[in-house]
PDB file of N, CA and C in Angstrom:
ATOM      1  N   MET A   1     351.262  65.596 142.241  1.00  0.00           N
ATOM      2  CA  MET A   1     349.957  65.312 141.669  1.00  0.00           C
ATOM      3  C   MET A   1     349.528  66.410 140.705  1.00  0.00           C
ATOM      4  N   GLU A   2     349.828  67.637 141.037  1.00  0.00           N
ATOM      5  CA  GLU A   2     349.433  68.764 140.177  1.00  0.00           C
ATOM      6  C   GLU A   2     350.083  68.666 138.797  1.00  0.00           C
ATOM      7  N   LYS A   3     351.309  68.155 138.744  1.00  0.00           N
ATOM      8  CA  LYS A   3     351.969  67.987 137.442  1.00  0.00           C
ATOM      9  C   LYS A   3     351.226  66.969 136.580  1.00  0.00           C
ATOM     10  N   LYS A   4     350.763  65.895 137.202  1.00  0.00           N
ATOM     11  CA  LYS A   4     350.004  64.884 136.470  1.00  0.00           C
ATOM     12  C   LYS A   4     348.716  65.489 135.916  1.00  0.00           C
ATOM     13  N   VAL A   5     348.049  66.255 136.747  1.00  0.00           N
ATOM     14  CA  VAL A   5     346.798  66.898 136.335  1.00  0.00           C
ATOM     15  C   VAL A   5     347.051  67.795 135.128  1.00  0.00           C
ATOM     16  N   GLU A   6     348.092  68.585 135.176  1.00  0.00           N
ATOM     17  CA  GLU A   6     348.400  69.490 134.064  1.00  0.00           C
ATOM     18  C   GLU A   6     348.796  68.724 132.803  1.00  0.00           C
ATOM     19  N   LYS A   7     349.538  67.638 132.964  1.00  0.00           N
ATOM     20  CA  LYS A   7     349.920  66.828 131.801  1.00  0.00           C
ATOM     21  C   LYS A   7     348.689  66.206 131.146  1.00  0.00           C
ATOM     22  N   ILE A   8     347.805  65.665 131.976  1.00  0.00           N
ATOM     23  CA  ILE A   8     346.573  65.081 131.440  1.00  0.00           C
ATOM     24  C   ILE A   8     345.750  66.158 130.748  1.00  0.00           C
ATOM     25  N   ASN A   9     345.643  67.317 131.363  1.00  0.00           N
ATOM     26  CA  ASN A   9     344.878  68.405 130.764  1.00  0.00           C
ATOM     27  C   ASN A   9     345.462  68.819 129.415  1.00  0.00           C
ATOM     28  N   LEU A  10     346.771  68.881 129.317  1.00  0.00           N
ATOM     29  CA  LEU A  10     347.401  69.219 128.038  1.00  0.00           C
ATOM     30  C   LEU A  10     347.116  68.174 126.966  1.00  0.00           C
ATOM     31  N   ILE A  11     347.148  66.910 127.356  1.00  0.00           N
ATOM     32  CA  ILE A  11     346.861  65.833 126.407  1.00  0.00           C
ATOM     33  C   ILE A  11     345.417  65.940 125.911  1.00  0.00           C
ATOM     34  N   LEU A  12     344.496  66.160 126.839  1.00  0.00           N
ATOM     35  CA  LEU A  12     343.090  66.277 126.456  1.00  0.00           C
ATOM     36  C   LEU A  12     342.842  67.519 125.601  1.00  0.00           C
ATOM     37  N   ALA A  13     343.495  68.622 125.943  1.00  0.00           N
ATOM     38  CA  ALA A  13     343.340  69.852 125.165  1.00  0.00           C
ATOM     39  C   ALA A  13     343.886  69.676 123.751  1.00  0.00           C
ATOM     40  N   GLU A  14     344.997  68.979 123.631  1.00  0.00           N
ATOM     41  CA  GLU A  14     345.588  68.716 122.314  1.00  0.00           C
ATOM     42  C   GLU A  14     344.685  67.782 121.499  1.00  0.00           C
ATOM     43  N   TRP A  15     344.111  66.800 122.153  1.00  0.00           N
ATOM     44  CA  TRP A  15     343.195  65.857 121.510  1.00  0.00           C
ATOM     45  C   TRP A  15     341.963  66.605 121.001  1.00  0.00           C
ATOM     46  N   ASN A  16     341.330  67.367 121.872  1.00  0.00           N
ATOM     47  CA  ASN A  16     340.192  68.234 121.544  1.00  0.00           C
ATOM     48  C   ASN A  16     339.146  67.544 120.666  1.00  0.00           C
ATOM     49  N   PRO A  17     338.556  66.457 121.157  1.00  0.00           N
ATOM     50  CA  PRO A  17     337.633  65.683 120.326  1.00  0.00           C
ATOM     51  C   PRO A  17     336.362  66.414 119.902  1.00  0.00           C
ATOM     52  N   ILE A  18     335.943  67.409 120.662  1.00  0.00           N
ATOM     53  CA  ILE A  18     334.726  68.121 120.254  1.00  0.00           C
ATOM     54  C   ILE A  18     335.037  69.383 119.468  1.00  0.00           C
ATOM     55  N   GLY A  19     336.313  69.672 119.297  1.00  0.00           N
ATOM     56  CA  GLY A  19     336.714  70.781 118.435  1.00  0.00           C
ATOM     57  C   GLY A  19     336.392  72.171 118.960  1.00  0.00           C
ATOM     58  N   VAL A  20     336.570  72.363 120.267  1.00  0.00           N
ATOM     59  CA  VAL A  20     336.332  73.697 120.816  1.00  0.00           C
ATOM     60  C   VAL A  20     337.466  74.627 120.401  1.00  0.00           C
ATOM     61  N   PRO A  21     337.227  75.938 120.408  1.00  0.00           N
ATOM     62  CA  PRO A  21     338.297  76.878 120.070  1.00  0.00           C
ATOM     63  C   PRO A  21     339.510  76.692 120.984  1.00  0.00           C
ATOM     64  N   GLU A  22     340.677  76.873 120.419  1.00  0.00           N
ATOM     65  CA  GLU A  22     341.934  76.623 121.127  1.00  0.00           C
ATOM     66  C   GLU A  22     342.042  77.392 122.451  1.00  0.00           C
ATOM     67  N   ASN A  23     341.485  78.594 122.504  1.00  0.00           N
ATOM     68  CA  ASN A  23     341.624  79.408 123.713  1.00  0.00           C
ATOM     69  C   ASN A  23     340.814  78.875 124.901  1.00  0.00           C
ATOM     70  N   ILE A  24     339.942  77.880 124.695  1.00  0.00           N
ATOM     71  CA  ILE A  24     339.196  77.329 125.828  1.00  0.00           C
ATOM     72  C   ILE A  24     339.454  75.836 126.065  1.00  0.00           C
ATOM     73  N   THR A  25     340.333  75.238 125.289  1.00  0.00           N
ATOM     74  CA  THR A  25     340.587  73.805 125.457  1.00  0.00           C
ATOM     75  C   THR A  25     341.160  73.470 126.830  1.00  0.00           C
ATOM     76  N   SER A  26     341.911  74.378 127.417  1.00  0.00           N
ATOM     77  CA  SER A  26     342.515  74.076 128.718  1.00  0.00           C
ATOM     78  C   SER A  26     341.476  73.990 129.830  1.00  0.00           C
ATOM     79  N   ASP A  27     340.283  74.529 129.615  1.00  0.00           N
ATOM     80  CA  ASP A  27     339.212  74.434 130.606  1.00  0.00           C
ATOM     81  C   ASP A  27     338.160  73.391 130.236  1.00  0.00           C
ATOM     82  N   GLU A  28     337.980  73.141 128.970  1.00  0.00           N
ATOM     83  CA  GLU A  28     336.872  72.320 128.467  1.00  0.00           C
ATOM     84  C   GLU A  28     336.886  70.884 128.981  1.00  0.00           C
ATOM     85  N   TYR A  29     338.049  70.296 129.139  1.00  0.00           N
ATOM     86  CA  TYR A  29     338.130  68.864 129.437  1.00  0.00           C
ATOM     87  C   TYR A  29     338.544  68.551 130.875  1.00  0.00           C
ATOM     88  N   ARG A  30     338.637  69.559 131.724  1.00  0.00           N
ATOM     89  CA  ARG A  30     339.081  69.360 133.120  1.00  0.00           C
ATOM     90  C   ARG A  30     338.205  68.390 133.905  1.00  0.00           C
ATOM     91  N   ASP A  31     336.928  68.330 133.591  1.00  0.00           N
ATOM     92  CA  ASP A  31     336.018  67.449 134.331  1.00  0.00           C
ATOM     93  C   ASP A  31     336.361  65.971 134.169  1.00  0.00           C
ATOM     94  N   TYR A  32     337.095  65.627 133.137  1.00  0.00           N
ATOM     95  CA  TYR A  32     337.433  64.225 132.875  1.00  0.00           C
ATOM     96  C   TYR A  32     338.737  63.796 133.553  1.00  0.00           C
ATOM     97  N   ILE A  33     339.476  64.737 134.068  1.00  0.00           N
ATOM     98  CA  ILE A  33     340.778  64.431 134.672  1.00  0.00           C
ATOM     99  C   ILE A  33     340.661  63.508 135.884  1.00  0.00           C
ATOM    100  N   PRO A  34     339.739  63.745 136.831  1.00  0.00           N
ATOM    101  CA  PRO A  34     339.680  62.863 138.007  1.00  0.00           C
ATOM    102  C   PRO A  34     339.460  61.388 137.665  1.00  0.00           C
ATOM    103  N   ILE A  35     338.566  61.098 136.745  1.00  0.00           N
ATOM    104  CA  ILE A  35     338.315  59.697 136.397  1.00  0.00           C
ATOM    105  C   ILE A  35     339.522  59.091 135.678  1.00  0.00           C
ATOM    106  N   ILE A  36     340.183  59.870 134.862  1.00  0.00           N
ATOM    107  CA  ILE A  36     341.382  59.377 134.176  1.00  0.00           C
ATOM    108  C   ILE A  36     342.490  59.110 135.188  1.00  0.00           C
ATOM    109  N   LEU A  37     342.678  60.007 136.138  1.00  0.00           N
ATOM    110  CA  LEU A  37     343.677  59.805 137.193  1.00  0.00           C
ATOM    111  C   LEU A  37     343.377  58.541 137.996  1.00  0.00           C
ATOM    112  N   GLU A  38     342.123  58.372 138.350  1.00  0.00           N
ATOM    113  CA  GLU A  38     341.727  57.207 139.134  1.00  0.00           C
ATOM    114  C   GLU A  38     342.021  55.908 138.384  1.00  0.00           C
ATOM    115  N   VAL A  39     341.687  55.879 137.113  1.00  0.00           N
ATOM    116  CA  VAL A  39     341.924  54.671 136.309  1.00  0.00           C
ATOM    117  C   VAL A  39     343.419  54.412 136.160  1.00  0.00           C
ATOM    118  N   LEU A  40     344.202  55.459 135.942  1.00  0.00           N
ATOM    119  CA  LEU A  40     345.653  55.294 135.818  1.00  0.00           C
ATOM    120  C   LEU A  40     346.253  54.757 137.114  1.00  0.00           C
ATOM    121  N   GLU A  41     345.803  55.291 138.245  1.00  0.00           N
ATOM    122  CA  GLU A  41     346.346  54.859 139.539  1.00  0.00           C
ATOM    123  C   GLU A  41     345.951  53.428 139.874  1.00  0.00           C
ATOM    124  N   LYS A  42     344.740  53.040 139.501  1.00  0.00           N
ATOM    125  CA  LYS A  42     344.261  51.689 139.806  1.00  0.00           C
ATOM    126  C   LYS A  42     344.587  50.693 138.701  1.00  0.00           C
ATOM    127  N   LYS A  43     345.254  51.195 137.643  1.00  0.00           N
ATOM    128  CA  LYS A  43     345.604  50.370 136.488  1.00  0.00           C
ATOM    129  C   LYS A  43     344.354  49.704 135.893  1.00  0.00           C
ATOM    130  N   GLY A  44     343.304  50.509 135.805  1.00  0.00           N
ATOM    131  CA  GLY A  44     342.049  50.025 135.235  1.00  0.00           C
ATOM    132  C   GLY A  44     342.086  50.071 133.722  1.00  0.00           C
ATOM    133  N   ASN A  45     340.937  49.867 133.110  1.00  0.00           N
ATOM    134  CA  ASN A  45     340.829  49.817 131.660  1.00  0.00           C
ATOM    135  C   ASN A  45     340.655  51.232 131.101  1.00  0.00           C
ATOM    136  N   LEU A  46     341.760  51.891 130.855  1.00  0.00           N
ATOM    137  CA  LEU A  46     341.761  53.269 130.383  1.00  0.00           C
ATOM    138  C   LEU A  46     341.059  53.411 129.038  1.00  0.00           C
ATOM    139  N   MET A  47     341.241  52.465 128.154  1.00  0.00           N
ATOM    140  CA  MET A  47     340.617  52.552 126.833  1.00  0.00           C
ATOM    141  C   MET A  47     339.098  52.572 126.962  1.00  0.00           C
ATOM    142  N   LYS A  48     338.554  51.739 127.818  1.00  0.00           N
ATOM    143  CA  LYS A  48     337.103  51.712 128.037  1.00  0.00           C
ATOM    144  C   LYS A  48     336.612  53.031 128.624  1.00  0.00           C
ATOM    145  N   VAL A  49     337.394  53.605 129.519  1.00  0.00           N
ATOM    146  CA  VAL A  49     337.022  54.890 130.111  1.00  0.00           C
ATOM    147  C   VAL A  49     337.026  55.983 129.044  1.00  0.00           C
ATOM    148  N   LEU A  50     338.024  55.991 128.188  1.00  0.00           N
ATOM    149  CA  LEU A  50     338.078  56.988 127.113  1.00  0.00           C
ATOM    150  C   LEU A  50     336.907  56.805 126.150  1.00  0.00           C
ATOM    151  N   GLU A  51     336.584  55.556 125.838  1.00  0.00           N
ATOM    152  CA  GLU A  51     335.424  55.292 124.984  1.00  0.00           C
ATOM    153  C   GLU A  51     334.146  55.803 125.641  1.00  0.00           C
ATOM    154  N   ASP A  52     334.008  55.562 126.940  1.00  0.00           N
ATOM    155  CA  ASP A  52     332.833  56.018 127.682  1.00  0.00           C
ATOM    156  C   ASP A  52     332.733  57.548 127.678  1.00  0.00           C
ATOM    157  N   ILE A  53     333.844  58.206 127.867  1.00  0.00           N
ATOM    158  CA  ILE A  53     333.855  59.674 127.840  1.00  0.00           C
ATOM    159  C   ILE A  53     333.385  60.169 126.474  1.00  0.00           C
ATOM    160  N   LEU A  54     333.919  59.585 125.425  1.00  0.00           N
ATOM    161  CA  LEU A  54     333.534  59.996 124.068  1.00  0.00           C
ATOM    162  C   LEU A  54     332.046  59.796 123.805  1.00  0.00           C
ATOM    163  N   VAL A  55     331.562  58.599 124.099  1.00  0.00           N
ATOM    164  CA  VAL A  55     330.199  58.231 123.727  1.00  0.00           C
ATOM    165  C   VAL A  55     329.153  58.772 124.704  1.00  0.00           C
ATOM    166  N   ASN A  56     329.376  58.587 125.985  1.00  0.00           N
ATOM    167  CA  ASN A  56     328.346  58.914 126.967  1.00  0.00           C
ATOM    168  C   ASN A  56     328.444  60.314 127.561  1.00  0.00           C
ATOM    169  N   LYS A  57     329.622  60.858 127.619  1.00  0.00           N
ATOM    170  CA  LYS A  57     329.775  62.199 128.189  1.00  0.00           C
ATOM    171  C   LYS A  57     329.764  63.277 127.096  1.00  0.00           C
ATOM    172  N   MET A  58     330.532  63.032 126.052  1.00  0.00           N
ATOM    173  CA  MET A  58     330.625  64.020 124.967  1.00  0.00           C
ATOM    174  C   MET A  58     329.588  63.777 123.875  1.00  0.00           C
ATOM    175  N   GLU A  59     328.951  62.606 123.939  1.00  0.00           N
ATOM    176  CA  GLU A  59     327.932  62.208 122.966  1.00  0.00           C
ATOM    177  C   GLU A  59     328.434  62.266 121.521  1.00  0.00           C
ATOM    178  N   LEU A  60     329.655  61.753 121.342  1.00  0.00           N
ATOM    179  CA  LEU A  60     330.256  61.674 120.010  1.00  0.00           C
ATOM    180  C   LEU A  60     330.144  60.261 119.479  1.00  0.00           C
ATOM    181  N   GLU A  61     330.287  60.129 118.188  1.00  0.00           N
ATOM    182  CA  GLU A  61     330.260  58.820 117.550  1.00  0.00           C
ATOM    183  C   GLU A  61     331.617  58.142 117.755  1.00  0.00           C
ATOM    184  N   TYR A  62     331.571  56.894 118.157  1.00  0.00           N
ATOM    185  CA  TYR A  62     332.787  56.102 118.278  1.00  0.00           C
ATOM    186  C   TYR A  62     332.424  54.658 117.983  1.00  0.00           C
ATOM    187  N   ASP A  63     333.169  54.053 117.091  1.00  0.00           N
ATOM    188  CA  ASP A  63     332.939  52.662 116.707  1.00  0.00           C
ATOM    189  C   ASP A  63     334.224  51.888 116.960  1.00  0.00           C
ATOM    190  N   SER A  64     334.177  50.997 117.933  1.00  0.00           N
ATOM    191  CA  SER A  64     335.376  50.226 118.285  1.00  0.00           C
ATOM    192  C   SER A  64     335.790  49.262 117.178  1.00  0.00           C
ATOM    193  N   GLN A  65     334.977  49.124 116.145  1.00  0.00           N
ATOM    194  CA  GLN A  65     335.326  48.305 114.986  1.00  0.00           C
ATOM    195  C   GLN A  65     335.947  49.135 113.866  1.00  0.00           C
ATOM    196  N   ASN A  66     335.909  50.453 114.025  1.00  0.00           N
ATOM    197  CA  ASN A  66     336.453  51.368 113.026  1.00  0.00           C
ATOM    198  C   ASN A  66     337.937  51.590 113.322  1.00  0.00           C
ATOM    199  N   LYS A  67     338.788  51.151 112.413  1.00  0.00           N
ATOM    200  CA  LYS A  67     340.237  51.210 112.618  1.00  0.00           C
ATOM    201  C   LYS A  67     340.723  52.640 112.886  1.00  0.00           C
ATOM    202  N   GLU A  68     340.193  53.610 112.162  1.00  0.00           N
ATOM    203  CA  GLU A  68     340.603  55.004 112.341  1.00  0.00           C
ATOM    204  C   GLU A  68     340.209  55.526 113.727  1.00  0.00           C
ATOM    205  N   HIS A  69     338.991  55.198 114.171  1.00  0.00           N
ATOM    206  CA  HIS A  69     338.549  55.605 115.504  1.00  0.00           C
ATOM    207  C   HIS A  69     339.469  55.032 116.579  1.00  0.00           C
ATOM    208  N   VAL A  70     339.754  53.748 116.441  1.00  0.00           N
ATOM    209  CA  VAL A  70     340.590  53.059 117.431  1.00  0.00           C
ATOM    210  C   VAL A  70     342.008  53.629 117.428  1.00  0.00           C
ATOM    211  N   GLN A  71     342.554  53.907 116.257  1.00  0.00           N
ATOM    212  CA  GLN A  71     343.907  54.472 116.178  1.00  0.00           C
ATOM    213  C   GLN A  71     343.960  55.858 116.804  1.00  0.00           C
ATOM    214  N   ASP A  72     342.978  56.684 116.512  1.00  0.00           N
ATOM    215  CA  ASP A  72     342.946  58.040 117.086  1.00  0.00           C
ATOM    216  C   ASP A  72     342.865  57.992 118.605  1.00  0.00           C
ATOM    217  N   LEU A  73     341.981  57.160 119.119  1.00  0.00           N
ATOM    218  CA  LEU A  73     341.847  57.044 120.562  1.00  0.00           C
ATOM    219  C   LEU A  73     343.077  56.372 121.167  1.00  0.00           C
ATOM    220  N   GLY A  74     343.673  55.454 120.429  1.00  0.00           N
ATOM    221  CA  GLY A  74     344.886  54.780 120.892  1.00  0.00           C
ATOM    222  C   GLY A  74     346.049  55.733 121.098  1.00  0.00           C
ATOM    223  N   LYS A  75     346.137  56.757 120.280  1.00  0.00           N
ATOM    224  CA  LYS A  75     347.199  57.764 120.441  1.00  0.00           C
ATOM    225  C   LYS A  75     347.033  58.502 121.758  1.00  0.00           C
ATOM    226  N   VAL A  76     345.813  58.862 122.087  1.00  0.00           N
ATOM    227  CA  VAL A  76     345.531  59.546 123.358  1.00  0.00           C
ATOM    228  C   VAL A  76     345.819  58.592 124.516  1.00  0.00           C
ATOM    229  N   TYR A  77     345.388  57.367 124.374  1.00  0.00           N
ATOM    230  CA  TYR A  77     345.620  56.328 125.372  1.00  0.00           C
ATOM    231  C   TYR A  77     347.110  56.192 125.690  1.00  0.00           C
ATOM    232  N   GLN A  78     347.923  56.090 124.656  1.00  0.00           N
ATOM    233  CA  GLN A  78     349.372  55.938 124.834  1.00  0.00           C
ATOM    234  C   GLN A  78     349.989  57.131 125.547  1.00  0.00           C
ATOM    235  N   LYS A  79     349.561  58.321 125.175  1.00  0.00           N
ATOM    236  CA  LYS A  79     350.077  59.533 125.823  1.00  0.00           C
ATOM    237  C   LYS A  79     349.698  59.561 127.296  1.00  0.00           C
ATOM    238  N   LEU A  80     348.467  59.168 127.601  1.00  0.00           N
ATOM    239  CA  LEU A  80     348.017  59.180 128.989  1.00  0.00           C
ATOM    240  C   LEU A  80     348.738  58.140 129.830  1.00  0.00           C
ATOM    241  N   LEU A  81     349.091  57.016 129.232  1.00  0.00           N
ATOM    242  CA  LEU A  81     349.826  55.984 129.979  1.00  0.00           C
ATOM    243  C   LEU A  81     351.203  56.479 130.420  1.00  0.00           C
ATOM    244  N   CYS A  82     351.741  57.448 129.712  1.00  0.00           N
ATOM    245  CA  CYS A  82     353.082  57.972 130.013  1.00  0.00           C
ATOM    246  C   CYS A  82     353.066  59.076 131.081  1.00  0.00           C
ATOM    247  N   VAL A  83     351.896  59.417 131.561  1.00  0.00           N
ATOM    248  CA  VAL A  83     351.792  60.493 132.562  1.00  0.00           C
ATOM    249  C   VAL A  83     352.302  60.003 133.891  1.00  0.00           C
TER     250      VAL A  83
END
């Protein structure tokens, strides 16, 4: 389980949607790991969870009709599915 947690953390740190300095990315997104793990294990709607994290937790702009937004989030989605 710890390997999964670290892999997810690396993916989130690499994604870095709020643009924090590189030296703190490994800590910045840890709070989102449990919900991502839960969704992956239950085979839930990961894309919706990622959208929720962006909009409601990080308070960032995300438009599911914007092709660039969807592609960017889709890359993270694909990486997380491989964990």
